[in-house]
């Protein structure tokens, strides 16, 4: 069984990722990966170069991105087909049009409206509360995500 990294950030995520997408693909091949997902923050920019690099190697690129929302926990988004990829691109456009250049303002409702055909992974907060647990707001958000996003993708 092989390992697939589903959350890799390239230098297209300013101040978060350091390596170029081509370098990430090259290193993944050296590590023996058969697939890898590039999940830059509120952008699909890194997957363009990663896709070009993956086409020349024995590795499958999983197109994806990280959605940092203003009103809920972050989500990793994996479109399952070309139509879902178009919806994810449209979602990012909505967020980019609301913000100054370099920012992307996305809300849960935006995600819900563009969710068909996209698989999501909710990301936990970076810290736990004083009881070494996730806060209730995070748990409530997970329930909302489950209720809305699962139903959207069952239709």
N, C-alpha and C. Protein backbone atom coordinates (compact mmCIF):
# COMPACT_ATOMS: atom_id res chain seq x y z
N UNK A 1 0.84 -1.17 0.00
CA UNK A 1 0.00 0.00 0.00
C UNK A 1 0.89 1.24 0.00
N UNK A 2 0.57 2.21 -0.84
CA UNK A 2 1.39 3.41 -0.92
C UNK A 2 0.76 4.56 -0.15
N UNK A 3 1.58 5.54 0.16
CA UNK A 3 1.15 6.71 0.91
C UNK A 3 0.87 7.85 -0.07
N UNK A 4 -0.17 8.62 0.18
CA UNK A 4 -0.49 9.79 -0.61
C UNK A 4 -0.66 10.98 0.33
N UNK A 5 0.14 12.01 0.11
CA UNK A 5 0.01 13.23 0.90
C UNK A 5 -1.11 14.07 0.30
N UNK A 6 -2.11 14.38 1.12
CA UNK A 6 -3.30 15.10 0.65
C UNK A 6 -3.31 16.58 1.01
N UNK A 7 -2.25 17.07 1.65
CA UNK A 7 -2.21 18.49 2.02
C UNK A 7 -0.77 18.99 1.93
N UNK A 8 -0.42 19.46 0.74
CA UNK A 8 0.91 20.02 0.52
C UNK A 8 0.75 21.45 0.02
N UNK A 9 1.49 22.36 0.62
CA UNK A 9 1.42 23.77 0.27
C UNK A 9 2.67 24.17 -0.48
N UNK A 10 2.49 24.81 -1.63
CA UNK A 10 3.63 25.27 -2.42
C UNK A 10 3.91 26.75 -2.14
N UNK A 11 4.87 27.30 -2.86
CA UNK A 11 5.20 28.71 -2.68
C UNK A 11 4.11 29.64 -3.21
N UNK A 12 3.06 29.08 -3.80
CA UNK A 12 1.92 29.90 -4.21
C UNK A 12 1.04 30.28 -3.01
N UNK A 13 1.30 29.69 -1.85
CA UNK A 13 0.65 30.10 -0.61
C UNK A 13 1.65 31.00 0.11
N UNK A 14 1.53 32.29 -0.12
CA UNK A 14 2.50 33.27 0.37
C UNK A 14 2.73 33.15 1.87
N UNK A 15 3.98 33.08 2.25
CA UNK A 15 4.45 32.97 3.64
C UNK A 15 4.02 31.67 4.33
N UNK A 16 3.56 30.69 3.57
CA UNK A 16 3.16 29.40 4.15
C UNK A 16 3.92 28.25 3.51
N UNK A 17 4.12 28.30 2.21
CA UNK A 17 4.83 27.26 1.50
C UNK A 17 6.12 27.81 0.93
N UNK A 18 7.12 26.95 0.78
CA UNK A 18 8.42 27.43 0.31
C UNK A 18 8.83 26.84 -1.04
N UNK A 19 8.47 25.62 -1.30
CA UNK A 19 8.94 24.93 -2.50
C UNK A 19 8.04 25.21 -3.70
N UNK A 20 8.66 25.24 -4.86
CA UNK A 20 7.92 25.35 -6.11
C UNK A 20 7.14 24.05 -6.34
N UNK A 21 5.99 24.12 -6.99
CA UNK A 21 5.21 22.90 -7.24
C UNK A 21 6.00 21.82 -7.97
N UNK A 22 6.84 22.22 -8.91
CA UNK A 22 7.66 21.25 -9.64
C UNK A 22 8.62 20.51 -8.70
N UNK A 23 9.16 21.23 -7.74
CA UNK A 23 10.06 20.61 -6.75
C UNK A 23 9.30 19.63 -5.86
N UNK A 24 8.08 19.98 -5.51
CA UNK A 24 7.26 19.09 -4.67
C UNK A 24 6.98 17.79 -5.41
N UNK A 25 6.61 17.90 -6.67
CA UNK A 25 6.35 16.70 -7.48
C UNK A 25 7.61 15.86 -7.59
N UNK A 26 8.72 16.48 -7.86
CA UNK A 26 10.00 15.76 -7.99
C UNK A 26 10.34 15.02 -6.70
N UNK A 27 10.19 15.69 -5.56
CA UNK A 27 10.50 15.05 -4.27
C UNK A 27 9.52 13.92 -3.99
N UNK A 28 8.26 14.10 -4.32
CA UNK A 28 7.27 13.05 -4.11
C UNK A 28 7.64 11.80 -4.91
N UNK A 29 8.09 11.98 -6.13
CA UNK A 29 8.52 10.85 -6.96
C UNK A 29 9.72 10.16 -6.31
N UNK A 30 10.69 10.94 -5.84
CA UNK A 30 11.87 10.36 -5.17
C UNK A 30 11.48 9.57 -3.92
N UNK A 31 10.41 10.01 -3.24
CA UNK A 31 9.94 9.32 -2.03
C UNK A 31 9.10 8.10 -2.36
N UNK A 32 8.80 7.90 -3.63
CA UNK A 32 8.03 6.72 -4.03
C UNK A 32 6.53 6.92 -4.04
N UNK A 33 6.06 8.16 -3.93
CA UNK A 33 4.62 8.43 -3.97
C UNK A 33 4.09 8.11 -5.37
N UNK A 34 2.86 7.65 -5.43
CA UNK A 34 2.21 7.44 -6.73
C UNK A 34 1.19 8.54 -7.01
N UNK A 35 0.87 9.35 -5.99
CA UNK A 35 -0.05 10.47 -6.15
C UNK A 35 0.25 11.50 -5.06
N UNK A 36 -0.12 12.76 -5.36
CA UNK A 36 0.07 13.84 -4.40
C UNK A 36 -0.95 14.94 -4.68
N UNK A 37 -1.40 15.61 -3.63
CA UNK A 37 -2.33 16.74 -3.78
C UNK A 37 -1.63 18.03 -3.37
N UNK A 38 -1.72 19.03 -4.22
CA UNK A 38 -1.24 20.36 -3.89
C UNK A 38 -2.45 21.15 -3.39
N UNK A 39 -2.37 21.68 -2.17
CA UNK A 39 -3.52 22.36 -1.56
C UNK A 39 -3.13 23.76 -1.11
N UNK A 40 -2.88 24.62 -2.06
CA UNK A 40 -2.53 25.99 -1.71
C UNK A 40 -3.73 26.73 -1.15
N UNK A 41 -3.44 27.76 -0.39
CA UNK A 41 -4.45 28.53 0.34
C UNK A 41 -5.26 29.43 -0.59
N UNK A 42 -6.54 29.11 -0.74
CA UNK A 42 -7.49 29.88 -1.52
C UNK A 42 -7.03 30.15 -2.95
N UNK A 43 -6.35 29.17 -3.54
CA UNK A 43 -5.91 29.29 -4.93
C UNK A 43 -5.64 27.92 -5.53
N UNK A 44 -5.80 27.86 -6.84
CA UNK A 44 -5.44 26.66 -7.59
C UNK A 44 -4.15 26.88 -8.36
N UNK A 45 -3.47 28.00 -8.13
CA UNK A 45 -2.31 28.39 -8.92
C UNK A 45 -1.19 27.34 -8.92
N UNK A 46 -0.92 26.72 -7.79
CA UNK A 46 0.18 25.76 -7.71
C UNK A 46 -0.06 24.49 -8.50
N UNK A 47 -1.31 24.12 -8.71
CA UNK A 47 -1.54 22.85 -9.40
C UNK A 47 -1.28 22.92 -10.89
N UNK A 48 -1.24 24.11 -11.47
CA UNK A 48 -0.96 24.23 -12.90
C UNK A 48 0.46 23.74 -13.19
N UNK A 49 1.42 24.27 -12.45
CA UNK A 49 2.82 23.83 -12.64
C UNK A 49 3.03 22.40 -12.16
N UNK A 50 2.35 22.04 -11.08
CA UNK A 50 2.46 20.67 -10.58
C UNK A 50 1.93 19.67 -11.61
N UNK A 51 0.84 20.02 -12.26
CA UNK A 51 0.26 19.15 -13.29
C UNK A 51 1.24 18.95 -14.44
N UNK A 52 1.86 20.04 -14.88
CA UNK A 52 2.84 19.94 -15.97
C UNK A 52 4.01 19.05 -15.56
N UNK A 53 4.48 19.18 -14.33
CA UNK A 53 5.59 18.36 -13.84
C UNK A 53 5.16 16.90 -13.69
N UNK A 54 3.96 16.66 -13.20
CA UNK A 54 3.48 15.29 -12.98
C UNK A 54 3.30 14.55 -14.29
N UNK A 55 2.97 15.26 -15.36
CA UNK A 55 2.79 14.61 -16.66
C UNK A 55 4.08 13.98 -17.17
N UNK A 56 5.22 14.47 -16.70
CA UNK A 56 6.51 13.94 -17.14
C UNK A 56 7.05 12.88 -16.19
N UNK A 57 6.33 12.62 -15.12
CA UNK A 57 6.78 11.67 -14.08
C UNK A 57 5.73 10.58 -13.89
N UNK A 58 6.10 9.59 -13.14
CA UNK A 58 5.17 8.49 -12.82
C UNK A 58 4.43 8.81 -11.53
N UNK A 59 3.62 9.87 -11.56
CA UNK A 59 2.87 10.28 -10.39
C UNK A 59 1.57 10.95 -10.85
N UNK A 60 0.52 10.75 -10.08
CA UNK A 60 -0.77 11.36 -10.37
C UNK A 60 -0.96 12.57 -9.47
N UNK A 61 -1.33 13.69 -10.07
CA UNK A 61 -1.62 14.88 -9.30
C UNK A 61 -3.11 14.91 -8.97
N UNK A 62 -3.41 15.16 -7.71
CA UNK A 62 -4.79 15.32 -7.26
C UNK A 62 -5.04 16.82 -7.14
N UNK A 63 -5.86 17.39 -8.04
CA UNK A 63 -6.12 18.82 -7.95
C UNK A 63 -6.93 19.14 -6.70
N UNK A 64 -6.54 20.20 -5.99
CA UNK A 64 -7.19 20.55 -4.74
C UNK A 64 -6.78 21.94 -4.31
N UNK A 65 -7.41 22.42 -3.25
CA UNK A 65 -6.95 23.65 -2.60
C UNK A 65 -7.48 23.68 -1.17
N UNK A 66 -6.89 24.55 -0.40
CA UNK A 66 -7.33 24.78 0.97
C UNK A 66 -8.20 26.02 0.96
N UNK A 67 -9.38 25.92 1.54
CA UNK A 67 -10.29 27.05 1.64
C UNK A 67 -10.27 27.57 3.07
N UNK A 68 -9.71 28.75 3.28
CA UNK A 68 -9.74 29.38 4.59
C UNK A 68 -10.93 30.32 4.62
N UNK A 69 -11.92 29.97 5.44
CA UNK A 69 -13.18 30.70 5.49
C UNK A 69 -13.17 31.75 6.58
N UNK A 70 -13.95 32.81 6.39
CA UNK A 70 -14.04 33.87 7.40
C UNK A 70 -15.00 33.51 8.52
N UNK A 71 -15.89 32.54 8.29
CA UNK A 71 -16.89 32.21 9.30
C UNK A 71 -16.96 30.73 9.65
N UNK A 72 -15.84 30.04 9.51
CA UNK A 72 -15.84 28.63 9.86
C UNK A 72 -14.48 28.00 9.67
N UNK A 73 -14.35 26.76 10.11
CA UNK A 73 -13.07 26.05 9.96
C UNK A 73 -12.67 25.90 8.49
N UNK A 74 -11.37 25.84 8.27
CA UNK A 74 -10.84 25.65 6.93
C UNK A 74 -11.21 24.28 6.39
N UNK A 75 -11.28 24.21 5.07
CA UNK A 75 -11.61 22.96 4.38
C UNK A 75 -10.59 22.69 3.29
N UNK A 76 -10.24 21.42 3.12
CA UNK A 76 -9.52 21.01 1.93
C UNK A 76 -10.58 20.60 0.92
N UNK A 77 -10.45 21.06 -0.32
CA UNK A 77 -11.45 20.81 -1.35
C UNK A 77 -10.84 20.04 -2.52
N UNK A 78 -11.45 18.90 -2.85
CA UNK A 78 -10.97 18.01 -3.91
C UNK A 78 -12.07 17.83 -4.95
N UNK A 79 -12.01 18.54 -6.08
CA UNK A 79 -13.03 18.35 -7.11
C UNK A 79 -12.91 16.95 -7.72
N UNK A 80 -14.06 16.34 -8.00
CA UNK A 80 -14.06 14.95 -8.50
C UNK A 80 -14.19 14.85 -10.02
N UNK A 81 -14.47 15.98 -10.68
CA UNK A 81 -14.58 15.95 -12.14
C UNK A 81 -14.40 17.38 -12.66
N UNK A 82 -14.44 17.53 -13.97
CA UNK A 82 -14.18 18.83 -14.59
C UNK A 82 -15.22 19.87 -14.18
N UNK A 83 -16.48 19.46 -14.04
CA UNK A 83 -17.53 20.40 -13.62
C UNK A 83 -17.30 20.87 -12.19
N UNK A 84 -16.89 19.97 -11.32
CA UNK A 84 -16.60 20.35 -9.93
C UNK A 84 -15.37 21.27 -9.88
N UNK A 85 -14.39 21.01 -10.73
CA UNK A 85 -13.22 21.89 -10.80
C UNK A 85 -13.65 23.30 -11.22
N UNK A 86 -14.56 23.38 -12.17
CA UNK A 86 -15.07 24.68 -12.61
C UNK A 86 -15.81 25.38 -11.47
N UNK A 87 -16.59 24.62 -10.69
CA UNK A 87 -17.30 25.21 -9.54
C UNK A 87 -16.31 25.71 -8.49
N UNK A 88 -15.25 24.94 -8.25
CA UNK A 88 -14.24 25.37 -7.28
C UNK A 88 -13.54 26.64 -7.78
N UNK A 89 -13.25 26.71 -9.05
CA UNK A 89 -12.65 27.92 -9.63
C UNK A 89 -13.60 29.11 -9.48
N UNK A 90 -14.88 28.88 -9.73
CA UNK A 90 -15.88 29.95 -9.58
C UNK A 90 -15.97 30.41 -8.13
N UNK A 91 -15.91 29.47 -7.19
CA UNK A 91 -15.94 29.80 -5.77
C UNK A 91 -14.77 30.71 -5.41
N UNK A 92 -13.59 30.36 -5.88
CA UNK A 92 -12.41 31.18 -5.59
C UNK A 92 -12.53 32.57 -6.23
N UNK A 93 -13.14 32.63 -7.38
CA UNK A 93 -13.36 33.93 -8.03
C UNK A 93 -14.28 34.80 -7.19
N UNK A 94 -15.33 34.21 -6.64
CA UNK A 94 -16.24 34.95 -5.75
C UNK A 94 -15.45 35.56 -4.59
N UNK A 95 -14.62 34.76 -3.95
CA UNK A 95 -13.84 35.24 -2.81
C UNK A 95 -12.82 36.29 -3.20
N UNK A 96 -12.20 36.13 -4.37
CA UNK A 96 -11.20 37.10 -4.81
C UNK A 96 -11.83 38.45 -5.18
N UNK A 97 -13.03 38.42 -5.73
CA UNK A 97 -13.69 39.67 -6.12
C UNK A 97 -14.11 40.50 -4.91
N UNK A 98 -14.25 39.87 -3.76
CA UNK A 98 -14.66 40.57 -2.54
C UNK A 98 -13.49 41.25 -1.83
N UNK A 99 -12.29 40.91 -2.19
CA UNK A 99 -11.13 41.29 -1.38
C UNK A 99 -10.11 42.08 -2.20
N UNK A 100 -9.20 42.69 -1.48
CA UNK A 100 -8.06 43.34 -2.12
C UNK A 100 -7.18 42.26 -2.76
N UNK A 101 -6.37 42.67 -3.71
CA UNK A 101 -5.48 41.72 -4.38
C UNK A 101 -4.63 40.98 -3.35
N UNK A 102 -4.56 39.68 -3.50
CA UNK A 102 -3.79 38.86 -2.58
C UNK A 102 -4.62 38.25 -1.46
N UNK A 103 -5.86 38.70 -1.30
CA UNK A 103 -6.77 38.15 -0.28
C UNK A 103 -7.94 37.47 -0.97
N UNK A 104 -8.60 36.61 -0.23
CA UNK A 104 -9.78 35.91 -0.73
C UNK A 104 -10.75 35.77 0.44
N UNK A 105 -11.90 36.39 0.34
CA UNK A 105 -12.88 36.38 1.43
C UNK A 105 -14.00 35.40 1.08
N UNK A 106 -13.94 34.24 1.73
CA UNK A 106 -14.93 33.19 1.50
C UNK A 106 -15.71 32.91 2.78
N UNK A 107 -16.98 32.55 2.58
CA UNK A 107 -17.86 32.20 3.69
C UNK A 107 -18.43 30.81 3.46
N UNK A 108 -18.95 30.21 4.54
CA UNK A 108 -19.53 28.87 4.44
C UNK A 108 -20.60 28.82 3.35
N UNK A 109 -21.46 29.82 3.30
CA UNK A 109 -22.55 29.82 2.32
C UNK A 109 -22.01 29.77 0.89
N UNK A 110 -20.88 30.42 0.64
CA UNK A 110 -20.25 30.35 -0.68
C UNK A 110 -19.88 28.91 -1.03
N UNK A 111 -19.28 28.25 -0.05
CA UNK A 111 -18.88 26.86 -0.26
C UNK A 111 -20.11 26.00 -0.52
N UNK A 112 -21.14 26.19 0.27
CA UNK A 112 -22.36 25.38 0.10
C UNK A 112 -22.95 25.55 -1.29
N UNK A 113 -22.88 26.75 -1.84
CA UNK A 113 -23.46 27.01 -3.17
C UNK A 113 -22.64 26.40 -4.30
N UNK A 114 -21.37 26.09 -4.05
CA UNK A 114 -20.48 25.57 -5.10
C UNK A 114 -20.02 24.14 -4.83
N UNK A 115 -20.62 23.45 -3.88
CA UNK A 115 -20.08 22.20 -3.35
C UNK A 115 -20.30 20.95 -4.19
N UNK A 116 -21.23 20.96 -5.12
CA UNK A 116 -21.56 19.74 -5.85
C UNK A 116 -20.33 19.15 -6.54
N UNK A 117 -20.08 17.88 -6.26
CA UNK A 117 -18.97 17.17 -6.89
C UNK A 117 -17.62 17.39 -6.25
N UNK A 118 -17.58 18.09 -5.13
CA UNK A 118 -16.32 18.35 -4.44
C UNK A 118 -16.29 17.57 -3.13
N UNK A 119 -15.21 16.88 -2.88
CA UNK A 119 -15.00 16.19 -1.61
C UNK A 119 -14.26 17.15 -0.68
N UNK A 120 -14.73 17.24 0.56
CA UNK A 120 -14.14 18.17 1.53
C UNK A 120 -13.57 17.41 2.73
N UNK A 121 -12.49 17.95 3.27
CA UNK A 121 -11.93 17.50 4.54
C UNK A 121 -11.85 18.74 5.43
N UNK A 122 -12.51 18.70 6.57
CA UNK A 122 -12.46 19.82 7.52
C UNK A 122 -11.16 19.75 8.30
N UNK A 123 -10.52 20.90 8.44
CA UNK A 123 -9.26 20.97 9.18
C UNK A 123 -9.51 21.43 10.61
N UNK A 124 -8.94 20.74 11.57
CA UNK A 124 -9.15 21.12 12.97
C UNK A 124 -8.41 22.41 13.30
N UNK A 125 -8.82 23.07 14.39
CA UNK A 125 -8.09 24.26 14.83
C UNK A 125 -6.64 23.90 15.17
N UNK A 126 -5.79 24.88 15.15
CA UNK A 126 -4.38 24.63 15.43
C UNK A 126 -4.10 24.32 16.89
N UNK A 127 -5.02 24.72 17.78
CA UNK A 127 -4.82 24.47 19.21
C UNK A 127 -6.09 23.86 19.80
N UNK A 128 -5.92 23.17 20.90
CA UNK A 128 -7.04 22.62 21.66
C UNK A 128 -7.39 23.58 22.78
N UNK A 129 -8.59 23.43 23.36
CA UNK A 129 -8.95 24.30 24.48
C UNK A 129 -8.30 23.80 25.77
N UNK A 130 -8.63 24.43 26.88
CA UNK A 130 -8.00 24.08 28.17
C UNK A 130 -8.32 22.66 28.63
N UNK A 131 -9.33 22.03 28.04
CA UNK A 131 -9.68 20.65 28.39
C UNK A 131 -9.09 19.65 27.39
N UNK A 132 -8.15 20.12 26.60
CA UNK A 132 -7.51 19.30 25.56
C UNK A 132 -8.54 18.71 24.61
N UNK A 133 -9.43 19.58 24.20
CA UNK A 133 -10.53 19.18 23.33
C UNK A 133 -10.75 20.31 22.33
N UNK A 134 -11.49 20.02 21.28
CA UNK A 134 -11.87 21.06 20.34
C UNK A 134 -13.01 21.87 20.94
N UNK A 135 -13.05 23.15 20.66
CA UNK A 135 -14.12 23.95 21.22
C UNK A 135 -15.46 23.60 20.57
N UNK A 136 -16.55 23.89 21.25
CA UNK A 136 -17.89 23.53 20.75
C UNK A 136 -18.20 24.16 19.39
N UNK A 137 -17.66 25.34 19.11
CA UNK A 137 -17.91 25.98 17.81
C UNK A 137 -17.38 25.12 16.67
N UNK A 138 -16.21 24.51 16.89
CA UNK A 138 -15.65 23.64 15.86
C UNK A 138 -16.54 22.41 15.66
N UNK A 139 -16.98 21.83 16.76
CA UNK A 139 -17.85 20.66 16.66
C UNK A 139 -19.16 21.01 15.97
N UNK A 140 -19.72 22.17 16.28
CA UNK A 140 -20.95 22.61 15.62
C UNK A 140 -20.73 22.82 14.12
N UNK A 141 -19.59 23.40 13.78
CA UNK A 141 -19.27 23.61 12.36
C UNK A 141 -19.16 22.29 11.62
N UNK A 142 -18.57 21.30 12.27
CA UNK A 142 -18.45 19.97 11.64
C UNK A 142 -19.83 19.38 11.35
N UNK A 143 -20.75 19.56 12.29
CA UNK A 143 -22.11 19.05 12.08
C UNK A 143 -22.79 19.77 10.92
N UNK A 144 -22.60 21.07 10.84
CA UNK A 144 -23.18 21.83 9.72
C UNK A 144 -22.56 21.37 8.41
N UNK A 145 -21.25 21.26 8.38
CA UNK A 145 -20.57 20.80 7.16
C UNK A 145 -21.10 19.43 6.75
N UNK A 146 -21.20 18.54 7.73
CA UNK A 146 -21.70 17.19 7.42
C UNK A 146 -23.11 17.26 6.85
N UNK A 147 -23.98 17.98 7.51
CA UNK A 147 -25.37 18.03 7.09
C UNK A 147 -25.53 18.64 5.70
N UNK A 148 -24.85 19.74 5.44
CA UNK A 148 -25.02 20.44 4.17
C UNK A 148 -24.20 19.79 3.06
N UNK A 149 -22.92 19.56 3.30
CA UNK A 149 -22.05 19.09 2.24
C UNK A 149 -22.34 17.64 1.84
N UNK A 150 -22.65 16.80 2.79
CA UNK A 150 -22.98 15.41 2.44
C UNK A 150 -24.27 15.37 1.65
N UNK A 151 -25.26 16.14 2.07
CA UNK A 151 -26.53 16.17 1.35
C UNK A 151 -26.35 16.73 -0.06
N UNK A 152 -25.53 17.76 -0.22
CA UNK A 152 -25.28 18.35 -1.53
C UNK A 152 -24.71 17.32 -2.50
N UNK A 153 -23.81 16.50 -2.01
CA UNK A 153 -23.14 15.54 -2.88
C UNK A 153 -23.88 14.22 -3.02
N UNK A 154 -25.01 14.08 -2.35
CA UNK A 154 -25.84 12.89 -2.54
C UNK A 154 -26.93 13.14 -3.58
N UNK A 155 -27.13 14.38 -3.93
CA UNK A 155 -28.20 14.70 -4.91
C UNK A 155 -27.77 14.34 -6.31
